[in-house]
Amino acid sequence: MWLLPTPEIGSHLLRSEDEVIIDEVTHHWICYLKPVLVVLAGLALMVASLFVHPQATLFLLLPGALLAAWGAYKAAEVRMDVFVVTNMRVFRMTGVLSQTQATMPLSRILDITVHKPLLGRLLGYGHFTFESAAQEQGLREIRSVPRVDERDLTIQGVVQRAGLRGPRQRGG
């Protein structure tokens, strides 16, 4: 998706505290399907405008251009929605024209629920639901996470290495 903008994550890291990125999670490719289809429909209308009566051209060209622009904007929204796991916290950045950032320290993560719908199991994505002391925030649900099981293990490992959970209990 080299035509789409990319979020600037490095400037949000606490370099003075030696914060480093462990994982940067963008949406699964399936999230781009609808915007791409909208762009293609808009382009088809614009191409069709070449083959109609000149007085009718505007009735296809204008809606086609608007559809293509709207689809491109929706694809940029998907691209600019990124979830980042660092050695100190998790945060999410969203927005194309205006941006929002939601942050949660690792110590506030109480539980993570992983949901894998049937289509997600077939295509390799799932959804996270974070349980924390502050429920209403921009980090409660992270949807369409590629390789969700690997990402869950990464977060659990970071939380464990940070010493925020007790030692592992071995059954026996």
N, C-alpha and C. Protein backbone atom coordinates (compact mmCIF):
# COMPACT_ATOMS: atom_id res chain seq x y z
N MET A 1 0.83 -1.18 0.00
CA MET A 1 0.00 0.00 0.00
C MET A 1 0.88 1.25 0.00
N TRP A 2 1.80 1.29 -0.91
CA TRP A 2 2.78 2.37 -0.95
C TRP A 2 2.16 3.71 -1.32
N LEU A 3 0.96 3.75 -1.83
CA LEU A 3 0.31 5.02 -2.17
C LEU A 3 -0.35 5.68 -0.97
N LEU A 4 -0.51 4.92 0.09
CA LEU A 4 -1.22 5.43 1.27
C LEU A 4 -0.23 6.03 2.27
N PRO A 5 -0.69 7.00 3.06
CA PRO A 5 0.20 7.58 4.09
C PRO A 5 0.52 6.52 5.15
N THR A 6 1.61 6.74 5.86
CA THR A 6 1.98 5.83 6.94
C THR A 6 2.03 6.60 8.25
N PRO A 7 1.61 5.98 9.34
CA PRO A 7 1.63 6.68 10.62
C PRO A 7 3.06 6.90 11.12
N GLU A 8 3.29 8.03 11.76
CA GLU A 8 4.61 8.36 12.32
C GLU A 8 4.62 7.90 13.78
N ILE A 9 5.25 6.77 14.02
CA ILE A 9 5.23 6.17 15.36
C ILE A 9 6.45 6.57 16.17
N GLY A 10 7.60 6.65 15.55
CA GLY A 10 8.84 6.92 16.26
C GLY A 10 8.81 8.16 17.12
N SER A 11 8.11 9.18 16.67
CA SER A 11 8.08 10.43 17.44
C SER A 11 7.25 10.32 18.72
N HIS A 12 6.50 9.22 18.87
CA HIS A 12 5.67 9.04 20.06
C HIS A 12 6.33 8.14 21.11
N LEU A 13 7.53 7.69 20.83
CA LEU A 13 8.22 6.83 21.78
C LEU A 13 8.95 7.65 22.83
N LEU A 14 9.04 7.12 24.01
CA LEU A 14 9.77 7.76 25.10
C LEU A 14 11.23 7.31 25.02
N ARG A 15 11.96 7.92 24.12
CA ARG A 15 13.36 7.53 23.89
C ARG A 15 14.21 7.75 25.14
N SER A 16 13.91 8.78 25.92
CA SER A 16 14.69 9.06 27.13
C SER A 16 14.51 7.96 28.17
N GLU A 17 13.43 7.18 28.05
CA GLU A 17 13.17 6.07 28.97
C GLU A 17 13.51 4.73 28.34
N ASP A 18 14.21 4.77 27.20
CA ASP A 18 14.62 3.55 26.46
C ASP A 18 13.42 2.71 26.00
N GLU A 19 12.35 3.39 25.61
CA GLU A 19 11.19 2.67 25.09
C GLU A 19 11.49 2.21 23.67
N VAL A 20 11.20 0.95 23.38
CA VAL A 20 11.42 0.39 22.05
C VAL A 20 10.16 -0.33 21.58
N ILE A 21 9.99 -0.36 20.28
CA ILE A 21 8.85 -1.04 19.68
C ILE A 21 9.10 -2.54 19.67
N ILE A 22 8.16 -3.28 20.21
CA ILE A 22 8.21 -4.74 20.17
C ILE A 22 7.42 -5.25 18.96
N ASP A 23 6.26 -4.66 18.71
CA ASP A 23 5.42 -5.06 17.59
C ASP A 23 4.58 -3.88 17.12
N GLU A 24 4.47 -3.73 15.83
CA GLU A 24 3.63 -2.71 15.21
C GLU A 24 2.58 -3.45 14.39
N VAL A 25 1.33 -3.30 14.76
CA VAL A 25 0.24 -4.08 14.18
C VAL A 25 -0.63 -3.19 13.30
N THR A 26 -0.66 -3.50 12.02
CA THR A 26 -1.60 -2.86 11.10
C THR A 26 -2.73 -3.85 10.82
N HIS A 27 -3.76 -3.38 10.19
CA HIS A 27 -4.91 -4.24 9.93
C HIS A 27 -4.60 -5.31 8.89
N HIS A 28 -5.35 -6.39 8.98
CA HIS A 28 -5.29 -7.49 8.02
C HIS A 28 -5.72 -6.97 6.65
N TRP A 29 -5.23 -7.59 5.61
CA TRP A 29 -5.53 -7.13 4.25
C TRP A 29 -7.02 -7.13 3.94
N ILE A 30 -7.80 -7.95 4.61
CA ILE A 30 -9.24 -8.01 4.34
C ILE A 30 -9.92 -6.66 4.57
N CYS A 31 -9.34 -5.83 5.45
CA CYS A 31 -9.92 -4.51 5.74
C CYS A 31 -9.81 -3.56 4.56
N TYR A 32 -8.92 -3.86 3.64
CA TYR A 32 -8.75 -3.01 2.45
C TYR A 32 -9.69 -3.42 1.32
N LEU A 33 -10.33 -4.56 1.45
CA LEU A 33 -11.15 -5.08 0.36
C LEU A 33 -12.30 -4.14 -0.01
N LYS A 34 -13.06 -3.69 0.96
CA LYS A 34 -14.20 -2.81 0.68
C LYS A 34 -13.74 -1.47 0.07
N PRO A 35 -12.74 -0.78 0.67
CA PRO A 35 -12.29 0.47 0.04
C PRO A 35 -11.77 0.28 -1.39
N VAL A 36 -11.07 -0.81 -1.64
CA VAL A 36 -10.55 -1.05 -3.00
C VAL A 36 -11.70 -1.29 -3.97
N LEU A 37 -12.71 -2.03 -3.54
CA LEU A 37 -13.87 -2.25 -4.42
C LEU A 37 -14.60 -0.94 -4.71
N VAL A 38 -14.69 -0.05 -3.72
CA VAL A 38 -15.32 1.26 -3.93
C VAL A 38 -14.50 2.08 -4.93
N VAL A 39 -13.18 2.07 -4.79
CA VAL A 39 -12.31 2.79 -5.74
C VAL A 39 -12.49 2.23 -7.14
N LEU A 40 -12.52 0.90 -7.27
CA LEU A 40 -12.69 0.29 -8.59
C LEU A 40 -14.06 0.63 -9.19
N ALA A 41 -15.11 0.67 -8.36
CA ALA A 41 -16.43 1.07 -8.86
C ALA A 41 -16.39 2.51 -9.36
N GLY A 42 -15.72 3.38 -8.62
CA GLY A 42 -15.59 4.78 -9.04
C GLY A 42 -14.83 4.89 -10.35
N LEU A 43 -13.74 4.14 -10.48
CA LEU A 43 -12.96 4.17 -11.72
C LEU A 43 -13.78 3.61 -12.89
N ALA A 44 -14.59 2.58 -12.62
CA ALA A 44 -15.43 2.02 -13.68
C ALA A 44 -16.45 3.05 -14.17
N LEU A 45 -17.02 3.82 -13.24
CA LEU A 45 -17.96 4.87 -13.64
C LEU A 45 -17.25 5.95 -14.47
N MET A 46 -16.03 6.29 -14.08
CA MET A 46 -15.29 7.31 -14.84
C MET A 46 -14.95 6.80 -16.23
N VAL A 47 -14.56 5.54 -16.35
CA VAL A 47 -14.27 4.98 -17.68
C VAL A 47 -15.56 4.89 -18.50
N ALA A 48 -16.66 4.51 -17.86
CA ALA A 48 -17.93 4.42 -18.58
C ALA A 48 -18.37 5.78 -19.11
N SER A 49 -17.95 6.85 -18.42
CA SER A 49 -18.33 8.20 -18.88
C SER A 49 -17.71 8.53 -20.24
N LEU A 50 -16.69 7.80 -20.63
CA LEU A 50 -16.07 8.03 -21.95
C LEU A 50 -16.91 7.48 -23.09
N PHE A 51 -17.85 6.58 -22.76
CA PHE A 51 -18.61 5.88 -23.79
C PHE A 51 -20.08 6.28 -23.85
N VAL A 52 -20.44 7.35 -23.16
CA VAL A 52 -21.84 7.80 -23.19
C VAL A 52 -21.92 9.12 -23.95
N HIS A 53 -23.13 9.54 -24.15
CA HIS A 53 -23.37 10.81 -24.83
C HIS A 53 -22.65 11.92 -24.06
N PRO A 54 -22.02 12.88 -24.72
CA PRO A 54 -21.26 13.93 -24.03
C PRO A 54 -22.06 14.68 -22.97
N GLN A 55 -23.35 14.84 -23.17
CA GLN A 55 -24.15 15.55 -22.17
C GLN A 55 -24.34 14.71 -20.90
N ALA A 56 -24.19 13.40 -21.01
CA ALA A 56 -24.37 12.52 -19.85
C ALA A 56 -23.05 12.21 -19.14
N THR A 57 -21.95 12.65 -19.73
CA THR A 57 -20.63 12.34 -19.17
C THR A 57 -20.51 12.78 -17.72
N LEU A 58 -20.96 13.98 -17.43
CA LEU A 58 -20.81 14.52 -16.08
C LEU A 58 -21.57 13.69 -15.04
N PHE A 59 -22.69 13.06 -15.45
CA PHE A 59 -23.49 12.26 -14.53
C PHE A 59 -22.80 10.96 -14.13
N LEU A 60 -21.80 10.55 -14.87
CA LEU A 60 -21.01 9.38 -14.50
C LEU A 60 -19.64 9.77 -13.95
N LEU A 61 -19.08 10.81 -14.53
CA LEU A 61 -17.72 11.22 -14.15
C LEU A 61 -17.67 11.73 -12.71
N LEU A 62 -18.59 12.60 -12.35
CA LEU A 62 -18.58 13.19 -11.01
C LEU A 62 -18.83 12.14 -9.91
N PRO A 63 -19.89 11.32 -10.01
CA PRO A 63 -20.06 10.28 -8.98
C PRO A 63 -18.88 9.30 -8.95
N GLY A 64 -18.32 8.99 -10.11
CA GLY A 64 -17.17 8.09 -10.15
C GLY A 64 -15.97 8.66 -9.43
N ALA A 65 -15.70 9.94 -9.65
CA ALA A 65 -14.57 10.59 -8.98
C ALA A 65 -14.81 10.66 -7.47
N LEU A 66 -16.05 10.96 -7.08
CA LEU A 66 -16.37 11.01 -5.64
C LEU A 66 -16.24 9.63 -4.99
N LEU A 67 -16.72 8.61 -5.68
CA LEU A 67 -16.59 7.25 -5.15
C LEU A 67 -15.12 6.84 -5.01
N ALA A 68 -14.32 7.12 -6.02
CA ALA A 68 -12.90 6.77 -5.99
C ALA A 68 -12.19 7.51 -4.86
N ALA A 69 -12.50 8.79 -4.69
CA ALA A 69 -11.87 9.58 -3.62
C ALA A 69 -12.30 9.07 -2.25
N TRP A 70 -13.58 8.73 -2.09
CA TRP A 70 -14.06 8.22 -0.81
C TRP A 70 -13.41 6.87 -0.49
N GLY A 71 -13.30 6.00 -1.47
CA GLY A 71 -12.66 4.71 -1.25
C GLY A 71 -11.19 4.86 -0.87
N ALA A 72 -10.50 5.80 -1.53
CA ALA A 72 -9.10 6.04 -1.20
C ALA A 72 -8.96 6.58 0.22
N TYR A 73 -9.87 7.44 0.63
CA TYR A 73 -9.84 7.97 2.00
C TYR A 73 -10.08 6.85 3.01
N LYS A 74 -11.03 5.96 2.72
CA LYS A 74 -11.31 4.84 3.63
C LYS A 74 -10.11 3.91 3.73
N ALA A 75 -9.41 3.69 2.63
CA ALA A 75 -8.20 2.87 2.67
C ALA A 75 -7.12 3.55 3.52
N ALA A 76 -7.01 4.87 3.41
CA ALA A 76 -6.05 5.62 4.23
C ALA A 76 -6.42 5.52 5.71
N GLU A 77 -7.70 5.53 6.02
CA GLU A 77 -8.14 5.36 7.41
C GLU A 77 -7.68 4.02 7.97
N VAL A 78 -7.82 2.97 7.17
CA VAL A 78 -7.38 1.64 7.60
C VAL A 78 -5.87 1.64 7.83
N ARG A 79 -5.13 2.23 6.91
CA ARG A 79 -3.67 2.25 7.01
C ARG A 79 -3.18 3.06 8.21
N MET A 80 -3.87 4.13 8.52
CA MET A 80 -3.43 5.01 9.60
C MET A 80 -3.88 4.54 10.99
N ASP A 81 -4.62 3.44 11.05
CA ASP A 81 -5.03 2.86 12.33
C ASP A 81 -4.01 1.79 12.68
N VAL A 82 -3.14 2.10 13.63
CA VAL A 82 -2.05 1.18 13.98
C VAL A 82 -2.02 0.98 15.49
N PHE A 83 -1.72 -0.25 15.87
CA PHE A 83 -1.61 -0.65 17.28
C PHE A 83 -0.16 -1.01 17.53
N VAL A 84 0.43 -0.44 18.59
CA VAL A 84 1.87 -0.62 18.84
C VAL A 84 2.07 -1.20 20.23
N VAL A 85 2.93 -2.20 20.30
CA VAL A 85 3.33 -2.79 21.58
C VAL A 85 4.78 -2.40 21.81
N THR A 86 5.05 -1.77 22.95
CA THR A 86 6.43 -1.43 23.30
C THR A 86 6.81 -2.18 24.58
N ASN A 87 8.02 -1.99 25.02
CA ASN A 87 8.45 -2.63 26.26
C ASN A 87 7.84 -1.97 27.49
N MET A 88 7.10 -0.87 27.32
CA MET A 88 6.52 -0.15 28.45
C MET A 88 5.00 -0.02 28.40
N ARG A 89 4.41 -0.06 27.21
CA ARG A 89 2.99 0.23 27.07
C ARG A 89 2.48 -0.29 25.74
N VAL A 90 1.18 -0.20 25.57
CA VAL A 90 0.55 -0.42 24.28
C VAL A 90 -0.14 0.89 23.91
N PHE A 91 -0.12 1.24 22.64
CA PHE A 91 -0.87 2.41 22.22
C PHE A 91 -1.41 2.23 20.82
N ARG A 92 -2.44 3.01 20.53
CA ARG A 92 -3.11 2.95 19.24
C ARG A 92 -3.20 4.35 18.67
N MET A 93 -2.83 4.48 17.42
CA MET A 93 -2.96 5.75 16.71
C MET A 93 -3.98 5.57 15.59
N THR A 94 -4.90 6.52 15.48
CA THR A 94 -5.91 6.48 14.43
C THR A 94 -6.07 7.87 13.83
N GLY A 95 -6.56 7.92 12.62
CA GLY A 95 -6.91 9.19 12.00
C GLY A 95 -6.05 9.55 10.82
N VAL A 96 -6.68 10.17 9.83
CA VAL A 96 -5.98 10.61 8.62
C VAL A 96 -5.71 12.11 8.71
N LEU A 97 -6.76 12.90 8.80
CA LEU A 97 -6.60 14.35 8.85
C LEU A 97 -6.33 14.83 10.27
N SER A 98 -7.07 14.32 11.23
CA SER A 98 -6.76 14.58 12.63
C SER A 98 -6.44 13.23 13.26
N GLN A 99 -5.54 13.21 14.21
CA GLN A 99 -5.11 11.95 14.79
C GLN A 99 -5.47 11.85 16.26
N THR A 100 -5.74 10.63 16.68
CA THR A 100 -6.02 10.33 18.07
C THR A 100 -5.04 9.25 18.52
N GLN A 101 -4.55 9.38 19.75
CA GLN A 101 -3.67 8.36 20.30
C GLN A 101 -4.20 7.94 21.66
N ALA A 102 -4.38 6.64 21.86
CA ALA A 102 -4.80 6.08 23.14
C ALA A 102 -3.67 5.22 23.65
N THR A 103 -3.33 5.37 24.93
CA THR A 103 -2.19 4.67 25.52
C THR A 103 -2.62 3.93 26.78
N MET A 104 -2.04 2.75 26.98
CA MET A 104 -2.26 2.00 28.21
C MET A 104 -0.93 1.40 28.66
N PRO A 105 -0.51 1.72 29.88
CA PRO A 105 0.71 1.09 30.40
C PRO A 105 0.49 -0.42 30.53
N LEU A 106 1.54 -1.19 30.38
CA LEU A 106 1.42 -2.64 30.49
C LEU A 106 0.83 -3.06 31.83
N SER A 107 1.11 -2.29 32.88
CA SER A 107 0.63 -2.64 34.21
C SER A 107 -0.89 -2.56 34.33
N ARG A 108 -1.56 -1.88 33.40
CA ARG A 108 -3.03 -1.73 33.47
C ARG A 108 -3.76 -2.82 32.71
N ILE A 109 -3.02 -3.64 31.97
CA ILE A 109 -3.66 -4.72 31.22
C ILE A 109 -4.00 -5.84 32.20
N LEU A 110 -5.28 -6.05 32.43
CA LEU A 110 -5.72 -7.10 33.34
C LEU A 110 -5.96 -8.41 32.61
N ASP A 111 -6.52 -8.31 31.41
CA ASP A 111 -6.86 -9.51 30.67
C ASP A 111 -6.97 -9.17 29.19
N ILE A 112 -6.68 -10.13 28.35
CA ILE A 112 -6.84 -9.96 26.90
C ILE A 112 -7.69 -11.12 26.40
N THR A 113 -8.77 -10.77 25.71
CA THR A 113 -9.61 -11.77 25.07
C THR A 113 -9.30 -11.76 23.58
N VAL A 114 -9.09 -12.95 23.03
CA VAL A 114 -8.84 -13.09 21.60
C VAL A 114 -10.07 -13.75 20.98
N HIS A 115 -10.68 -13.09 20.01
CA HIS A 115 -11.84 -13.64 19.32
C HIS A 115 -11.45 -13.87 17.86
N LYS A 116 -11.69 -15.10 17.40
CA LYS A 116 -11.39 -15.44 16.00
C LYS A 116 -12.68 -15.91 15.33
N PRO A 117 -13.32 -15.03 14.55
CA PRO A 117 -14.52 -15.47 13.83
C PRO A 117 -14.13 -16.49 12.76
N LEU A 118 -15.12 -17.18 12.22
CA LEU A 118 -14.85 -18.22 11.22
C LEU A 118 -14.01 -17.68 10.07
N LEU A 119 -14.42 -16.54 9.50
CA LEU A 119 -13.64 -15.97 8.39
C LEU A 119 -12.23 -15.62 8.84
N GLY A 120 -12.09 -15.13 10.06
CA GLY A 120 -10.78 -14.82 10.61
C GLY A 120 -9.91 -16.05 10.76
N ARG A 121 -10.50 -17.15 11.16
CA ARG A 121 -9.74 -18.39 11.28
C ARG A 121 -9.27 -18.87 9.92
N LEU A 122 -10.12 -18.69 8.91
CA LEU A 122 -9.75 -19.12 7.56
C LEU A 122 -8.67 -18.23 6.95
N LEU A 123 -8.75 -16.91 7.22
CA LEU A 123 -7.84 -15.96 6.59
C LEU A 123 -6.69 -15.50 7.49
N GLY A 124 -6.69 -15.91 8.74
CA GLY A 124 -5.56 -15.62 9.62
C GLY A 124 -5.62 -14.29 10.36
N TYR A 125 -6.80 -13.93 10.87
CA TYR A 125 -6.90 -12.72 11.68
C TYR A 125 -7.90 -12.94 12.82
N GLY A 126 -7.88 -12.01 13.76
CA GLY A 126 -8.80 -12.07 14.89
C GLY A 126 -8.89 -10.71 15.53
N HIS A 127 -9.57 -10.63 16.66
CA HIS A 127 -9.80 -9.38 17.36
C HIS A 127 -9.34 -9.50 18.81
N PHE A 128 -8.77 -8.41 19.33
CA PHE A 128 -8.39 -8.32 20.74
C PHE A 128 -9.45 -7.51 21.48
N THR A 129 -9.75 -7.92 22.71
CA THR A 129 -10.50 -7.09 23.64
C THR A 129 -9.65 -7.00 24.90
N PHE A 130 -9.25 -5.79 25.25
CA PHE A 130 -8.43 -5.56 26.44
C PHE A 130 -9.33 -5.22 27.62
N GLU A 131 -9.08 -5.88 28.72
CA GLU A 131 -9.75 -5.55 29.97
C GLU A 131 -8.75 -4.81 30.83
N SER A 132 -9.15 -3.66 31.32
CA SER A 132 -8.26 -2.88 32.18
C SER A 132 -9.09 -2.16 33.23
N ALA A 133 -8.41 -1.48 34.13
CA ALA A 133 -9.11 -0.73 35.17
C ALA A 133 -9.97 0.39 34.58
N ALA A 134 -9.54 0.97 33.47
CA ALA A 134 -10.30 2.04 32.80
C ALA A 134 -10.91 1.46 31.53
N GLN A 135 -12.18 1.09 31.56
CA GLN A 135 -12.81 0.39 30.45
C GLN A 135 -13.07 1.25 29.22
N GLU A 136 -13.48 2.49 29.41
CA GLU A 136 -13.86 3.31 28.26
C GLU A 136 -12.65 4.05 27.71
N GLN A 137 -12.09 3.50 26.66
CA GLN A 137 -10.92 4.11 26.06
C GLN A 137 -10.75 3.59 24.64
N GLY A 138 -9.80 4.13 23.92
CA GLY A 138 -9.58 3.74 22.53
C GLY A 138 -8.85 2.44 22.36
N LEU A 139 -8.51 1.76 23.44
CA LEU A 139 -7.78 0.51 23.36
C LEU A 139 -8.61 -0.70 23.75
N ARG A 140 -9.87 -0.54 23.96
CA ARG A 140 -10.69 -1.67 24.40
C ARG A 140 -10.74 -2.75 23.33
N GLU A 141 -11.03 -2.36 22.09
CA GLU A 141 -11.12 -3.34 21.01
C GLU A 141 -10.15 -2.99 19.90
N ILE A 142 -9.37 -3.98 19.50
CA ILE A 142 -8.48 -3.85 18.35
C ILE A 142 -8.93 -4.94 17.38
N ARG A 143 -9.47 -4.52 16.25
CA ARG A 143 -10.09 -5.47 15.32
C ARG A 143 -9.19 -5.79 14.14
N SER A 144 -9.41 -6.95 13.57
CA SER A 144 -8.74 -7.41 12.35
C SER A 144 -7.22 -7.43 12.50
N VAL A 145 -6.76 -8.12 13.53
CA VAL A 145 -5.34 -8.24 13.82
C VAL A 145 -4.79 -9.46 13.09
N PRO A 146 -3.83 -9.27 12.17
CA PRO A 146 -3.23 -10.44 11.51
C PRO A 146 -2.42 -11.25 12.52
N ARG A 147 -2.41 -12.58 12.34
CA ARG A 147 -1.65 -13.47 13.21
C ARG A 147 -1.93 -13.16 14.69
N VAL A 148 -3.20 -13.15 15.05
CA VAL A 148 -3.65 -12.69 16.37
C VAL A 148 -3.06 -13.54 17.50
N ASP A 149 -2.92 -14.86 17.29
CA ASP A 149 -2.36 -15.70 18.35
C ASP A 149 -0.91 -15.35 18.63
N GLU A 150 -0.11 -15.13 17.58
CA GLU A 150 1.28 -14.72 17.77
C GLU A 150 1.35 -13.38 18.50
N ARG A 151 0.50 -12.46 18.12
CA ARG A 151 0.50 -11.13 18.74
C ARG A 151 0.09 -11.23 20.21
N ASP A 152 -0.85 -12.10 20.52
CA ASP A 152 -1.25 -12.31 21.91
C ASP A 152 -0.07 -12.83 22.73
N LEU A 153 0.65 -13.80 22.20
CA LEU A 153 1.81 -14.35 22.91
C LEU A 153 2.89 -13.27 23.08
N THR A 154 3.05 -12.42 22.08
CA THR A 154 4.04 -11.33 22.19
C THR A 154 3.68 -10.40 23.34
N ILE A 155 2.41 -9.99 23.41
CA ILE A 155 1.99 -9.09 24.48
C ILE A 155 2.14 -9.77 25.83
N GLN A 156 1.71 -11.03 25.93
CA GLN A 156 1.83 -11.75 27.20
C GLN A 156 3.30 -11.86 27.62
N GLY A 157 4.19 -12.10 26.65
CA GLY A 157 5.61 -12.19 26.96
C GLY A 157 6.18 -10.86 27.43
N VAL A 158 5.77 -9.76 26.80
CA VAL A 158 6.25 -8.43 27.20
C VAL A 158 5.78 -8.11 28.61
N VAL A 159 4.52 -8.41 28.91
CA VAL A 159 3.98 -8.17 30.25
C VAL A 159 4.75 -9.02 31.27
N GLN A 160 5.01 -10.27 30.94
CA GLN A 160 5.73 -11.17 31.85
C GLN A 160 7.17 -10.68 32.08
N ARG A 161 7.87 -10.30 31.00
CA ARG A 161 9.25 -9.81 31.13
C ARG A 161 9.32 -8.51 31.92
N ALA A 162 8.28 -7.71 31.84
CA ALA A 162 8.28 -6.45 32.59
C ALA A 162 8.05 -6.69 34.08
N GLY A 163 7.80 -7.95 34.46
CA GLY A 163 7.62 -8.27 35.87
C GLY A 163 6.28 -7.82 36.42
N LEU A 164 5.29 -7.69 35.54
CA LEU A 164 3.99 -7.18 35.97
C LEU A 164 3.04 -8.30 36.39
N ARG A 165 3.43 -9.53 36.18
CA ARG A 165 2.66 -10.68 36.62
C ARG A 165 3.56 -11.49 37.53
N GLY A 166 2.95 -12.24 38.39
CA GLY A 166 3.73 -13.10 39.29
C GLY A 166 4.45 -14.17 38.51
N PRO A 167 5.35 -14.89 39.15
CA PRO A 167 6.07 -15.96 38.44
C PRO A 167 5.10 -17.02 37.96
N ARG A 168 5.47 -17.67 36.88
CA ARG A 168 4.61 -18.70 36.33
C ARG A 168 4.50 -19.85 37.32
N GLN A 169 3.28 -20.33 37.51
CA GLN A 169 3.03 -21.47 38.40
C GLN A 169 3.06 -22.73 37.56
N ARG A 170 3.82 -23.69 38.00
CA ARG A 170 3.89 -24.97 37.28
C ARG A 170 2.99 -25.96 38.00
N GLY A 171 2.17 -26.62 37.21
CA GLY A 171 1.28 -27.62 37.78
C GLY A 171 2.06 -28.85 38.19
N GLY A 172 1.49 -29.61 39.10
CA GLY A 172 2.23 -30.82 39.38
C GLY A 172 1.92 -31.32 40.66
